[in-house]
Amino acid sequence: MPPEGWKAPDPDGSTSDMGGFKMTTAGRTYTKGEGDDAPSVSINIIDYAGNKEFYDATTTSWSFSQETADGYMKSSKIGDYPGFETYDKSTKSGSLWVVVAQRFFVHIDTYNLEPEELRKWMGTVDLKKLSALK
């Protein structure tokens, strides 16, 4: 059920097989209001089945940090979970990645929202419950 004031279609998902490496993605996009400038949030959970190469390729740049007048990119941590966060002030858009149990990536994209919304929306995902999945 979407948070109050937000709407979302049913979640979607897919499984990909890339030469024996399987990856499953499930996600949902929430919008508030109508039109191209309506705030939106996309939440995706990617099960990469502990594939070390995919993990390494995704997290290699997470130690990088940069802040400019236009926004920022930085390592992040949500509770015990490492991640990476970006924000662009001109579009009021952000992205937050968190890795859980060395198996899942939780990825949140926001559009036309302030940067603190990234962490607020990440708080709607039960990372501890996700971590307990086998």
Protein backbone atom coordinates (compact mmCIF):
# COMPACT_ATOMS: atom_id res chain seq x y z
CA MET A 1 0.00 0.00 0.00
CA PRO A 2 1.49 3.38 -0.99
CA PRO A 3 2.11 6.01 1.70
CA GLU A 4 -0.70 8.54 2.15
CA GLY A 5 -0.93 10.94 -0.76
CA TRP A 6 1.13 8.72 -3.08
CA LYS A 7 -0.09 6.33 -5.74
CA ALA A 8 1.61 3.39 -7.38
CA PRO A 9 0.75 0.69 -9.87
CA ASP A 10 1.30 -2.94 -8.91
CA PRO A 11 4.96 -3.87 -8.34
CA ASP A 12 6.84 -5.34 -11.26
CA GLY A 13 9.79 -7.68 -11.50
CA SER A 14 11.98 -9.75 -13.73
CA THR A 15 14.66 -12.40 -13.70
CA SER A 16 17.61 -12.21 -16.07
CA ASP A 17 20.06 -14.94 -16.97
CA MET A 18 23.35 -13.60 -18.29
CA GLY A 19 25.52 -16.57 -19.14
CA GLY A 20 24.66 -18.50 -15.99
CA PHE A 21 24.52 -15.45 -13.72
CA LYS A 22 20.93 -14.93 -12.62
CA MET A 23 19.65 -11.69 -11.17
CA THR A 24 16.11 -10.94 -10.01
CA THR A 25 14.71 -7.43 -9.68
CA ALA A 26 11.45 -6.34 -8.07
CA GLY A 27 10.30 -2.75 -7.86
CA ARG A 28 7.62 -0.16 -7.69
CA THR A 29 7.35 3.52 -8.60
CA TYR A 30 5.33 5.94 -6.49
CA THR A 31 4.04 9.33 -7.66
CA LYS A 32 2.44 12.22 -5.86
CA GLY A 33 0.26 14.39 -8.05
CA GLU A 34 -0.02 14.59 -11.82
CA GLY A 35 2.19 15.79 -14.65
CA ASP A 36 5.83 15.55 -15.65
CA ASP A 37 7.02 17.50 -12.60
CA ALA A 38 5.13 15.40 -10.05
CA PRO A 39 7.42 14.04 -7.34
CA SER A 40 8.25 10.36 -7.82
CA VAL A 41 10.13 7.62 -6.02
CA SER A 42 11.28 4.31 -7.48
CA ILE A 43 12.25 1.48 -5.14
CA ASN A 44 13.99 -1.58 -6.56
CA ILE A 45 15.39 -4.62 -4.80
CA ILE A 46 17.95 -6.56 -6.78
CA ASP A 47 18.87 -10.11 -5.75
CA TYR A 48 22.25 -10.70 -7.36
CA ALA A 49 22.65 -14.10 -5.65
CA GLY A 50 25.95 -13.13 -4.06
CA ASN A 51 27.76 -12.81 -7.40
CA LYS A 52 31.12 -11.34 -6.37
CA GLU A 53 31.86 -9.84 -9.79
CA PHE A 54 28.54 -7.95 -9.86
CA TYR A 55 29.03 -6.78 -6.27
CA ASP A 56 32.58 -5.60 -6.99
CA ALA A 57 31.59 -3.83 -10.21
CA THR A 58 28.75 -2.00 -8.45
CA THR A 59 30.54 -0.99 -5.25
CA THR A 60 34.03 -0.21 -6.59
CA SER A 61 33.38 3.53 -6.79
CA TRP A 62 31.53 3.79 -3.49
CA SER A 63 34.60 5.14 -1.69
CA PHE A 64 34.48 8.21 -3.95
CA SER A 65 33.10 11.46 -2.56
CA GLN A 66 32.42 14.81 -4.21
CA GLU A 67 30.35 17.86 -3.36
CA THR A 68 29.73 20.77 -5.73
CA ALA A 69 27.28 23.66 -5.98
CA ASP A 70 25.13 21.34 -8.12
CA GLY A 71 24.92 18.40 -5.69
CA TYR A 72 26.92 15.55 -4.23
CA MET A 73 28.09 11.94 -4.49
CA LYS A 74 29.21 10.16 -1.34
CA SER A 75 29.56 6.91 0.53
CA SER A 76 26.65 6.36 2.82
CA LYS A 77 25.57 4.05 5.59
CA ILE A 78 22.03 3.15 6.58
CA GLY A 79 22.25 1.43 9.95
CA ASP A 80 24.80 -1.34 9.44
CA TYR A 81 24.38 -1.37 5.66
CA PRO A 82 26.94 0.29 3.37
CA GLY A 83 25.75 2.34 0.45
CA PHE A 84 26.24 5.21 -1.94
CA GLU A 85 24.16 8.36 -2.36
CA THR A 86 23.91 11.03 -5.07
CA TYR A 87 21.83 14.18 -5.38
CA ASP A 88 21.40 16.74 -8.17
CA LYS A 89 20.05 20.08 -6.98
CA SER A 90 18.95 21.31 -10.42
CA THR A 91 16.51 18.42 -10.95
CA LYS A 92 15.98 17.73 -7.24
CA SER A 93 16.74 14.10 -8.01
CA GLY A 94 18.69 11.59 -5.99
CA SER A 95 19.78 8.00 -5.86
CA LEU A 96 20.61 5.81 -2.87
CA TRP A 97 22.05 2.30 -3.09
CA VAL A 98 22.41 0.02 -0.08
CA VAL A 99 23.84 -3.50 -0.03
CA VAL A 100 22.18 -6.00 2.33
CA ALA A 101 23.59 -9.37 3.41
CA GLN A 102 26.08 -9.36 0.51
CA ARG A 103 23.18 -10.55 -1.65
CA PHE A 104 20.71 -7.70 -2.21
CA PHE A 105 20.97 -4.17 -3.48
CA VAL A 106 18.18 -1.83 -2.48
CA HIS A 107 18.05 1.10 -4.88
CA ILE A 108 15.94 4.21 -4.45
CA ASP A 109 15.61 7.01 -7.00
CA THR A 110 13.78 10.23 -6.19
CA TYR A 111 12.68 13.01 -8.52
CA ASN A 112 11.54 16.50 -7.59
CA LEU A 113 12.16 15.88 -3.89
CA GLU A 114 14.64 17.15 -1.31
CA PRO A 115 17.72 15.00 -0.50
CA GLU A 116 16.48 13.89 2.94
CA GLU A 117 13.65 12.04 1.16
CA LEU A 118 16.16 9.39 0.02
CA ARG A 119 16.77 8.19 3.57
CA LYS A 120 13.12 8.62 4.52
CA TRP A 121 12.05 6.31 1.70
CA MET A 122 14.86 3.85 2.47
CA GLY A 123 13.33 3.69 5.95
CA THR A 124 10.17 2.23 4.41
CA VAL A 125 12.12 -0.90 3.40
CA ASP A 126 12.64 -3.46 6.17
CA LEU A 127 16.36 -4.03 5.63
CA LYS A 128 16.68 -6.36 8.64
CA LYS A 129 13.92 -8.60 7.31
CA LEU A 130 15.54 -8.60 3.88
CA SER A 131 18.88 -9.47 5.47
CA ALA A 132 17.33 -12.54 7.13
CA LEU A 133 16.19 -14.05 3.80
CA LYS A 134 18.01 -17.14 2.63
